[in-house]
Amino acid sequence: MTDTPAKNNGPAAANGGPPVKVKVVGQYIKDLSFENPAITKLLKSPGDTPNVELAINVNGQGIDQNLFESSITLNAKASNQIGTLYELEIEYAGLFSIENIPPQALEPFLLVNCPSILFPFLRRIAADISREGGFPPLLLDPFDFATLYMRRQQELAANAGKAETKN
């Protein structure tokens, strides 16, 4: 019986390049706003169950040669028959050191993988802030950033197709 070294079957091994190295350098709140405009009305009558509207967006950018920022922006608005109960806006970001990544894989990595790492922290902050604002905690379901990325790519392709037909 002979000993055979384990083979690296990752994406870098397929093209013979060095392995991709990723390190979370830091995480932080870039922007945070919580508004509770109807508190006096709520103290008189809490009203019915609120309707919560959510919007999530992601962004990625280069900071330095191998340093990149990925951010998630969350907007949540709760309202009922009284009006707007609260509005929560959070931009949560992380700095990532990324080495040896193929150029075509960088954008999806910044807009899918990095937000997936950051989301649990954003989720906790949203729950804590809404609870501290006097409401039940806003419990966000896990989010599929790959679907968001694919939808964005389809919209860009559709818009590019429309622009070509106009010319």
N, C-alpha and C. Protein backbone atom coordinates (compact mmCIF):
# COMPACT_ATOMS: atom_id res chain seq x y z
N MET A 1 0.84 -1.17 0.00
CA MET A 1 0.00 0.00 0.00
C MET A 1 0.89 1.24 0.00
N THR A 2 0.57 2.18 -0.86
CA THR A 2 1.39 3.39 -0.93
C THR A 2 0.60 4.58 -0.41
N ASP A 3 1.31 5.54 0.13
CA ASP A 3 0.69 6.78 0.60
C ASP A 3 0.63 7.77 -0.56
N THR A 4 -0.52 8.27 -0.81
CA THR A 4 -0.70 9.27 -1.86
C THR A 4 -1.12 10.57 -1.21
N PRO A 5 -0.43 11.67 -1.54
CA PRO A 5 -0.84 12.93 -0.94
C PRO A 5 -2.25 13.31 -1.39
N ALA A 6 -2.98 13.94 -0.47
CA ALA A 6 -4.34 14.37 -0.80
C ALA A 6 -4.28 15.45 -1.87
N LYS A 7 -5.18 15.37 -2.82
CA LYS A 7 -5.22 16.34 -3.90
C LYS A 7 -6.14 17.49 -3.52
N ASN A 8 -5.73 18.68 -3.91
CA ASN A 8 -6.57 19.86 -3.71
C ASN A 8 -7.50 19.97 -4.91
N ASN A 9 -8.77 19.77 -4.67
CA ASN A 9 -9.74 19.80 -5.76
C ASN A 9 -10.48 21.13 -5.84
N GLY A 10 -9.96 22.19 -5.25
CA GLY A 10 -10.62 23.50 -5.28
C GLY A 10 -10.48 24.15 -6.64
N PRO A 11 -11.12 25.31 -6.83
CA PRO A 11 -11.09 25.98 -8.12
C PRO A 11 -9.69 26.41 -8.54
N ALA A 12 -8.84 26.77 -7.61
CA ALA A 12 -7.49 27.18 -7.97
C ALA A 12 -6.68 25.99 -8.46
N ALA A 13 -6.95 24.81 -7.91
CA ALA A 13 -6.21 23.61 -8.33
C ALA A 13 -6.55 23.25 -9.77
N ALA A 14 -7.75 23.51 -10.19
CA ALA A 14 -8.18 23.16 -11.54
C ALA A 14 -7.39 23.96 -12.58
N ASN A 15 -7.07 25.22 -12.28
CA ASN A 15 -6.33 26.00 -13.25
C ASN A 15 -4.85 26.13 -12.89
N GLY A 16 -4.42 25.42 -11.85
CA GLY A 16 -3.03 25.40 -11.48
C GLY A 16 -2.56 26.61 -10.71
N GLY A 17 -3.44 27.52 -10.35
CA GLY A 17 -3.06 28.73 -9.62
C GLY A 17 -3.03 28.49 -8.13
N PRO A 18 -2.54 29.49 -7.41
CA PRO A 18 -2.52 29.38 -5.95
C PRO A 18 -3.93 29.41 -5.38
N PRO A 19 -4.13 28.87 -4.19
CA PRO A 19 -5.48 28.85 -3.61
C PRO A 19 -5.93 30.26 -3.22
N VAL A 20 -7.24 30.47 -3.27
CA VAL A 20 -7.84 31.73 -2.88
C VAL A 20 -7.76 31.84 -1.36
N LYS A 21 -7.31 32.99 -0.87
CA LYS A 21 -7.22 33.24 0.56
C LYS A 21 -8.16 34.39 0.92
N VAL A 22 -9.02 34.15 1.91
CA VAL A 22 -9.97 35.17 2.35
C VAL A 22 -9.85 35.33 3.85
N LYS A 23 -9.82 36.58 4.28
CA LYS A 23 -9.76 36.87 5.71
C LYS A 23 -10.69 38.04 6.01
N VAL A 24 -11.50 37.92 7.05
CA VAL A 24 -12.33 39.02 7.50
C VAL A 24 -11.44 39.94 8.32
N VAL A 25 -11.24 41.15 7.82
CA VAL A 25 -10.37 42.12 8.50
C VAL A 25 -11.15 42.86 9.58
N GLY A 26 -12.42 43.16 9.30
CA GLY A 26 -13.24 43.88 10.28
C GLY A 26 -14.68 43.96 9.83
N GLN A 27 -15.56 44.20 10.80
CA GLN A 27 -16.99 44.37 10.54
C GLN A 27 -17.45 45.60 11.30
N TYR A 28 -18.42 46.34 10.73
CA TYR A 28 -18.82 47.58 11.38
C TYR A 28 -20.15 48.08 10.84
N ILE A 29 -20.78 48.93 11.63
CA ILE A 29 -22.00 49.62 11.21
C ILE A 29 -21.55 50.89 10.51
N LYS A 30 -21.91 51.05 9.23
CA LYS A 30 -21.59 52.26 8.48
C LYS A 30 -22.63 53.34 8.72
N ASP A 31 -23.89 52.92 8.85
CA ASP A 31 -24.98 53.88 9.04
C ASP A 31 -26.10 53.18 9.78
N LEU A 32 -26.74 53.91 10.69
CA LEU A 32 -27.83 53.34 11.47
C LEU A 32 -28.82 54.44 11.80
N SER A 33 -30.09 54.18 11.52
CA SER A 33 -31.14 55.14 11.86
C SER A 33 -32.37 54.37 12.30
N PHE A 34 -32.94 54.79 13.43
CA PHE A 34 -34.19 54.21 13.90
C PHE A 34 -35.11 55.37 14.25
N GLU A 35 -36.25 55.41 13.61
CA GLU A 35 -37.21 56.48 13.86
C GLU A 35 -38.50 55.86 14.36
N ASN A 36 -39.07 56.48 15.37
CA ASN A 36 -40.30 56.02 16.01
C ASN A 36 -41.28 57.20 16.00
N PRO A 37 -41.85 57.56 14.82
CA PRO A 37 -42.62 58.80 14.70
C PRO A 37 -44.00 58.79 15.37
N ALA A 38 -44.56 57.64 15.66
CA ALA A 38 -45.93 57.59 16.18
C ALA A 38 -46.00 57.16 17.64
N ILE A 39 -44.97 57.43 18.41
CA ILE A 39 -44.93 56.92 19.78
C ILE A 39 -46.08 57.46 20.63
N THR A 40 -46.45 58.71 20.48
CA THR A 40 -47.54 59.25 21.31
C THR A 40 -48.87 58.59 20.96
N LYS A 41 -49.09 58.31 19.69
CA LYS A 41 -50.31 57.59 19.29
C LYS A 41 -50.28 56.15 19.80
N LEU A 42 -49.11 55.52 19.78
CA LEU A 42 -48.99 54.13 20.22
C LEU A 42 -49.23 53.98 21.71
N LEU A 43 -48.85 54.98 22.49
CA LEU A 43 -49.06 54.92 23.93
C LEU A 43 -50.55 54.96 24.27
N LYS A 44 -51.35 55.64 23.44
CA LYS A 44 -52.79 55.72 23.65
C LYS A 44 -53.49 54.44 23.20
N SER A 45 -53.08 53.92 22.05
CA SER A 45 -53.70 52.72 21.49
C SER A 45 -52.69 52.02 20.60
N PRO A 46 -52.31 50.77 20.92
CA PRO A 46 -51.29 50.09 20.14
C PRO A 46 -51.73 49.74 18.71
N GLY A 47 -53.03 49.69 18.44
CA GLY A 47 -53.48 49.38 17.09
C GLY A 47 -53.36 47.91 16.76
N ASP A 48 -53.53 47.62 15.49
CA ASP A 48 -53.49 46.23 15.04
C ASP A 48 -52.05 45.79 14.76
N THR A 49 -51.91 44.56 14.32
CA THR A 49 -50.61 43.99 14.00
C THR A 49 -49.99 44.77 12.85
N PRO A 50 -48.72 45.14 12.97
CA PRO A 50 -48.10 45.94 11.91
C PRO A 50 -47.76 45.14 10.67
N ASN A 51 -47.72 45.85 9.57
CA ASN A 51 -47.24 45.32 8.30
C ASN A 51 -45.79 45.79 8.17
N VAL A 52 -44.86 44.88 7.95
CA VAL A 52 -43.45 45.24 7.87
C VAL A 52 -42.98 45.07 6.42
N GLU A 53 -42.47 46.15 5.86
CA GLU A 53 -41.90 46.13 4.52
C GLU A 53 -40.39 46.11 4.65
N LEU A 54 -39.75 45.20 3.93
CA LEU A 54 -38.30 45.06 3.99
C LEU A 54 -37.68 45.27 2.62
N ALA A 55 -36.52 45.89 2.59
CA ALA A 55 -35.73 46.02 1.37
C ALA A 55 -34.28 45.76 1.74
N ILE A 56 -33.63 44.91 0.97
CA ILE A 56 -32.22 44.57 1.21
C ILE A 56 -31.45 44.80 -0.08
N ASN A 57 -30.29 45.42 0.07
CA ASN A 57 -29.41 45.63 -1.08
C ASN A 57 -27.98 45.37 -0.63
N VAL A 58 -27.15 44.97 -1.57
CA VAL A 58 -25.75 44.71 -1.27
C VAL A 58 -24.87 45.53 -2.20
N ASN A 59 -23.65 45.79 -1.73
CA ASN A 59 -22.70 46.55 -2.52
C ASN A 59 -21.31 46.03 -2.20
N GLY A 60 -20.42 46.13 -3.15
CA GLY A 60 -19.04 45.74 -2.94
C GLY A 60 -18.12 46.70 -3.67
N GLN A 61 -16.97 46.96 -3.08
CA GLN A 61 -16.01 47.86 -3.73
C GLN A 61 -14.60 47.53 -3.28
N GLY A 62 -13.65 47.88 -4.14
CA GLY A 62 -12.25 47.71 -3.79
C GLY A 62 -11.79 48.88 -2.94
N ILE A 63 -10.98 48.59 -1.94
CA ILE A 63 -10.43 49.63 -1.07
C ILE A 63 -8.95 49.80 -1.36
N ASP A 64 -8.26 48.68 -1.49
CA ASP A 64 -6.83 48.66 -1.73
C ASP A 64 -6.57 47.46 -2.64
N GLN A 65 -5.31 47.11 -2.86
CA GLN A 65 -4.98 46.04 -3.80
C GLN A 65 -5.71 44.74 -3.48
N ASN A 66 -5.63 44.24 -2.28
CA ASN A 66 -6.30 42.99 -1.90
C ASN A 66 -7.34 43.20 -0.81
N LEU A 67 -7.76 44.44 -0.60
CA LEU A 67 -8.71 44.77 0.46
C LEU A 67 -10.01 45.26 -0.17
N PHE A 68 -11.11 44.64 0.23
CA PHE A 68 -12.41 44.93 -0.36
C PHE A 68 -13.45 45.14 0.74
N GLU A 69 -14.43 45.99 0.44
CA GLU A 69 -15.53 46.21 1.37
C GLU A 69 -16.80 45.64 0.74
N SER A 70 -17.55 44.92 1.54
CA SER A 70 -18.86 44.42 1.15
C SER A 70 -19.84 44.95 2.18
N SER A 71 -21.00 45.43 1.71
CA SER A 71 -21.97 45.98 2.66
C SER A 71 -23.38 45.54 2.32
N ILE A 72 -24.20 45.48 3.35
CA ILE A 72 -25.62 45.16 3.23
C ILE A 72 -26.40 46.35 3.76
N THR A 73 -27.36 46.82 2.98
CA THR A 73 -28.24 47.88 3.43
C THR A 73 -29.62 47.28 3.65
N LEU A 74 -30.14 47.46 4.86
CA LEU A 74 -31.47 46.97 5.22
C LEU A 74 -32.36 48.17 5.54
N ASN A 75 -33.52 48.20 4.90
CA ASN A 75 -34.55 49.19 5.22
C ASN A 75 -35.78 48.42 5.65
N ALA A 76 -36.29 48.73 6.84
CA ALA A 76 -37.49 48.09 7.36
C ALA A 76 -38.46 49.19 7.80
N LYS A 77 -39.70 49.06 7.38
CA LYS A 77 -40.72 50.03 7.76
C LYS A 77 -41.94 49.26 8.26
N ALA A 78 -42.30 49.52 9.52
CA ALA A 78 -43.47 48.88 10.12
C ALA A 78 -44.59 49.91 10.20
N SER A 79 -45.78 49.51 9.76
CA SER A 79 -46.91 50.43 9.81
C SER A 79 -48.20 49.65 10.07
N ASN A 80 -49.19 50.35 10.59
CA ASN A 80 -50.54 49.80 10.74
C ASN A 80 -51.53 50.95 10.53
N GLN A 81 -52.76 50.81 11.02
CA GLN A 81 -53.76 51.84 10.75
C GLN A 81 -53.41 53.18 11.40
N ILE A 82 -52.55 53.19 12.40
CA ILE A 82 -52.11 54.44 13.04
C ILE A 82 -51.19 55.21 12.11
N GLY A 83 -50.43 54.50 11.33
CA GLY A 83 -49.44 55.10 10.44
C GLY A 83 -48.13 54.36 10.57
N THR A 84 -47.04 55.07 10.34
CA THR A 84 -45.71 54.46 10.44
C THR A 84 -45.37 54.29 11.91
N LEU A 85 -45.09 53.04 12.30
CA LEU A 85 -44.70 52.75 13.67
C LEU A 85 -43.20 52.98 13.87
N TYR A 86 -42.42 52.42 12.95
CA TYR A 86 -40.98 52.68 13.01
C TYR A 86 -40.37 52.47 11.63
N GLU A 87 -39.23 53.12 11.45
CA GLU A 87 -38.40 52.93 10.26
C GLU A 87 -36.99 52.64 10.74
N LEU A 88 -36.44 51.57 10.23
CA LEU A 88 -35.09 51.15 10.59
C LEU A 88 -34.26 51.08 9.32
N GLU A 89 -33.14 51.76 9.34
CA GLU A 89 -32.19 51.72 8.22
C GLU A 89 -30.82 51.38 8.78
N ILE A 90 -30.23 50.34 8.24
CA ILE A 90 -28.90 49.91 8.68
C ILE A 90 -28.06 49.62 7.45
N GLU A 91 -26.84 50.12 7.46
CA GLU A 91 -25.84 49.67 6.49
C GLU A 91 -24.73 49.03 7.30
N TYR A 92 -24.57 47.73 7.13
CA TYR A 92 -23.57 46.95 7.87
C TYR A 92 -22.54 46.46 6.86
N ALA A 93 -21.27 46.65 7.18
CA ALA A 93 -20.23 46.33 6.21
C ALA A 93 -19.11 45.52 6.84
N GLY A 94 -18.31 44.95 5.97
CA GLY A 94 -17.13 44.22 6.40
C GLY A 94 -15.99 44.48 5.44
N LEU A 95 -14.79 44.47 5.98
CA LEU A 95 -13.58 44.54 5.16
C LEU A 95 -13.03 43.13 5.02
N PHE A 96 -12.70 42.77 3.79
CA PHE A 96 -12.22 41.42 3.50
C PHE A 96 -10.90 41.52 2.74
N SER A 97 -9.92 40.77 3.21
CA SER A 97 -8.67 40.60 2.48
C SER A 97 -8.87 39.38 1.59
N ILE A 98 -8.78 39.59 0.28
CA ILE A 98 -9.01 38.51 -0.68
C ILE A 98 -7.81 38.44 -1.61
N GLU A 99 -7.16 37.29 -1.64
CA GLU A 99 -5.99 37.09 -2.49
C GLU A 99 -6.21 35.93 -3.44
N ASN A 100 -5.64 36.07 -4.62
CA ASN A 100 -5.61 35.01 -5.64
C ASN A 100 -6.98 34.63 -6.17
N ILE A 101 -7.93 35.54 -6.17
CA ILE A 101 -9.24 35.22 -6.70
C ILE A 101 -9.28 35.61 -8.18
N PRO A 102 -9.81 34.75 -9.03
CA PRO A 102 -9.92 35.11 -10.44
C PRO A 102 -10.81 36.35 -10.60
N PRO A 103 -10.47 37.25 -11.51
CA PRO A 103 -11.23 38.50 -11.66
C PRO A 103 -12.73 38.29 -11.89
N GLN A 104 -13.10 37.27 -12.63
CA GLN A 104 -14.51 37.02 -12.91
C GLN A 104 -15.27 36.51 -11.68
N ALA A 105 -14.55 36.04 -10.66
CA ALA A 105 -15.20 35.54 -9.45
C ALA A 105 -15.28 36.59 -8.34
N LEU A 106 -14.61 37.72 -8.52
CA LEU A 106 -14.56 38.72 -7.46
C LEU A 106 -15.93 39.34 -7.19
N GLU A 107 -16.62 39.80 -8.21
CA GLU A 107 -17.92 40.45 -8.00
C GLU A 107 -18.93 39.51 -7.32
N PRO A 108 -19.12 38.29 -7.82
CA PRO A 108 -20.05 37.40 -7.11
C PRO A 108 -19.62 37.11 -5.67
N PHE A 109 -18.32 37.03 -5.44
CA PHE A 109 -17.84 36.78 -4.08
C PHE A 109 -18.21 37.93 -3.16
N LEU A 110 -18.01 39.18 -3.64
CA LEU A 110 -18.31 40.36 -2.83
C LEU A 110 -19.81 40.56 -2.62
N LEU A 111 -20.64 40.11 -3.56
CA LEU A 111 -22.08 40.35 -3.49
C LEU A 111 -22.89 39.15 -3.01
N VAL A 112 -22.25 37.99 -2.86
CA VAL A 112 -22.96 36.79 -2.40
C VAL A 112 -22.29 36.22 -1.14
N ASN A 113 -21.03 35.84 -1.26
CA ASN A 113 -20.35 35.17 -0.15
C ASN A 113 -20.12 36.10 1.05
N CYS A 114 -19.60 37.29 0.78
CA CYS A 114 -19.32 38.21 1.89
C CYS A 114 -20.59 38.63 2.63
N PRO A 115 -21.68 39.01 1.92
CA PRO A 115 -22.91 39.33 2.65
C PRO A 115 -23.46 38.15 3.45
N SER A 116 -23.24 36.94 2.97
CA SER A 116 -23.69 35.76 3.73
C SER A 116 -22.93 35.64 5.05
N ILE A 117 -21.69 36.08 5.07
CA ILE A 117 -20.91 36.08 6.31
C ILE A 117 -21.42 37.18 7.25
N LEU A 118 -21.76 38.34 6.68
CA LEU A 118 -22.16 39.50 7.48
C LEU A 118 -23.60 39.43 8.00
N PHE A 119 -24.48 38.74 7.28
CA PHE A 119 -25.92 38.79 7.56
C PHE A 119 -26.30 38.40 9.00
N PRO A 120 -25.73 37.35 9.58
CA PRO A 120 -26.13 37.02 10.96
C PRO A 120 -25.90 38.17 11.95
N PHE A 121 -24.87 38.95 11.73
CA PHE A 121 -24.58 40.08 12.60
C PHE A 121 -25.60 41.21 12.38
N LEU A 122 -25.91 41.48 11.12
CA LEU A 122 -26.93 42.47 10.79
C LEU A 122 -28.28 42.05 11.37
N ARG A 123 -28.59 40.79 11.28
CA ARG A 123 -29.86 40.25 11.79
C ARG A 123 -29.99 40.50 13.29
N ARG A 124 -28.91 40.27 14.04
CA ARG A 124 -28.94 40.49 15.48
C ARG A 124 -29.11 41.96 15.81
N ILE A 125 -28.42 42.83 15.07
CA ILE A 125 -28.53 44.27 15.31
C ILE A 125 -29.96 44.74 15.05
N ALA A 126 -30.57 44.28 13.96
CA ALA A 126 -31.95 44.67 13.64
C ALA A 126 -32.91 44.24 14.75
N ALA A 127 -32.73 43.04 15.27
CA ALA A 127 -33.59 42.56 16.35
C ALA A 127 -33.39 43.38 17.62
N ASP A 128 -32.15 43.67 17.96
CA ASP A 128 -31.85 44.44 19.17
C ASP A 128 -32.38 45.86 19.08
N ILE A 129 -32.16 46.52 17.95
CA ILE A 129 -32.58 47.92 17.80
C ILE A 129 -34.10 48.04 17.84
N SER A 130 -34.80 47.16 17.12
CA SER A 130 -36.27 47.24 17.13
C SER A 130 -36.82 46.94 18.53
N ARG A 131 -36.21 46.01 19.24
CA ARG A 131 -36.64 45.70 20.60
C ARG A 131 -36.37 46.89 21.53
N GLU A 132 -35.19 47.48 21.42
CA GLU A 132 -34.86 48.64 22.26
C GLU A 132 -35.71 49.85 21.90
N GLY A 133 -36.26 49.87 20.70
CA GLY A 133 -37.16 50.95 20.29
C GLY A 133 -38.57 50.79 20.82
N GLY A 134 -38.81 49.71 21.57
CA GLY A 134 -40.12 49.51 22.19
C GLY A 134 -41.05 48.58 21.44
N PHE A 135 -40.52 47.83 20.49
CA PHE A 135 -41.33 46.94 19.66
C PHE A 135 -40.84 45.51 19.82
N PRO A 136 -41.64 44.55 19.36
CA PRO A 136 -41.12 43.17 19.33
C PRO A 136 -39.90 43.13 18.41
N PRO A 137 -38.94 42.26 18.70
CA PRO A 137 -37.73 42.23 17.86
C PRO A 137 -38.07 41.88 16.41
N LEU A 138 -37.42 42.56 15.50
CA LEU A 138 -37.56 42.27 14.08
C LEU A 138 -36.68 41.07 13.78
N LEU A 139 -37.31 39.92 13.59
CA LEU A 139 -36.58 38.67 13.34
C LEU A 139 -36.55 38.40 11.84
N LEU A 140 -35.41 38.61 11.25
CA LEU A 140 -35.24 38.42 9.81
C LEU A 140 -34.98 36.96 9.49
N ASP A 141 -35.65 36.46 8.48
CA ASP A 141 -35.38 35.10 8.01
C ASP A 141 -34.03 35.09 7.29
N PRO A 142 -33.38 33.94 7.22
CA PRO A 142 -32.14 33.87 6.43
C PRO A 142 -32.42 34.36 5.01
N PHE A 143 -31.41 34.95 4.41
CA PHE A 143 -31.59 35.58 3.10
C PHE A 143 -30.68 34.92 2.08
N ASP A 144 -31.20 34.73 0.87
CA ASP A 144 -30.47 34.10 -0.22
C ASP A 144 -29.85 35.18 -1.10
N PHE A 145 -28.59 35.51 -0.85
CA PHE A 145 -27.92 36.55 -1.60
C PHE A 145 -27.60 36.11 -3.03
N ALA A 146 -27.49 34.82 -3.27
CA ALA A 146 -27.25 34.33 -4.63
C ALA A 146 -28.44 34.66 -5.54
N THR A 147 -29.66 34.50 -5.02
CA THR A 147 -30.85 34.84 -5.81
C THR A 147 -30.89 36.33 -6.10
N LEU A 148 -30.56 37.16 -5.10
CA LEU A 148 -30.51 38.61 -5.31
C LEU A 148 -29.50 38.96 -6.39
N TYR A 149 -28.33 38.33 -6.35
CA TYR A 149 -27.30 38.58 -7.34
C TYR A 149 -27.77 38.17 -8.74
N MET A 150 -28.36 37.00 -8.85
CA MET A 150 -28.84 36.53 -10.16
C MET A 150 -29.93 37.45 -10.70
N ARG A 151 -30.83 37.89 -9.84
CA ARG A 151 -31.89 38.82 -10.26
C ARG A 151 -31.28 40.13 -10.77
N ARG A 152 -30.27 40.62 -10.07
CA ARG A 152 -29.60 41.87 -10.49
C ARG A 152 -28.93 41.67 -11.85
N GLN A 153 -28.27 40.53 -12.05
CA GLN A 153 -27.62 40.25 -13.33
C GLN A 153 -28.64 40.18 -14.47
N GLN A 154 -29.80 39.56 -14.21
CA GLN A 154 -30.84 39.48 -15.22
C GLN A 154 -31.38 40.85 -15.57
N GLU A 155 -31.56 41.72 -14.57
CA GLU A 155 -32.04 43.07 -14.82
C GLU A 155 -31.04 43.88 -15.63
N LEU A 156 -29.75 43.73 -15.31
CA LEU A 156 -28.72 44.43 -16.06
C LEU A 156 -28.68 43.96 -17.51
N ALA A 157 -28.82 42.65 -17.71
CA ALA A 157 -28.83 42.11 -19.06
C ALA A 157 -30.05 42.59 -19.84
N ALA A 158 -31.20 42.64 -19.18
CA ALA A 158 -32.42 43.11 -19.84
C ALA A 158 -32.30 44.59 -20.20
N ASN A 159 -31.74 45.38 -19.29
CA ASN A 159 -31.55 46.81 -19.57
C ASN A 159 -30.54 47.05 -20.68
N ALA A 160 -29.50 46.23 -20.73
CA ALA A 160 -28.50 46.33 -21.81
C ALA A 160 -29.14 45.97 -23.15
N GLY A 161 -30.02 44.96 -23.15
CA GLY A 161 -30.72 44.57 -24.36
C GLY A 161 -31.65 45.67 -24.86
N LYS A 162 -32.32 46.35 -23.94
CA LYS A 162 -33.21 47.47 -24.30
C LYS A 162 -32.41 48.63 -24.86
N ALA A 163 -31.25 48.90 -24.27
CA ALA A 163 -30.41 50.00 -24.73
C ALA A 163 -29.89 49.73 -26.14
N GLU A 164 -29.56 48.45 -26.44
CA GLU A 164 -29.08 48.10 -27.77
C GLU A 164 -30.18 48.24 -28.82
N THR A 165 -31.41 47.91 -28.49
CA THR A 165 -32.50 48.00 -29.45
C THR A 165 -32.87 49.45 -29.74
N LYS A 166 -32.58 50.38 -28.81
CA LYS A 166 -32.88 51.79 -29.02
C LYS A 166 -31.86 52.42 -29.97
N ASN A 167 -30.63 51.89 -30.00
CA ASN A 167 -29.58 52.48 -30.83
C ASN A 167 -29.68 52.03 -32.22
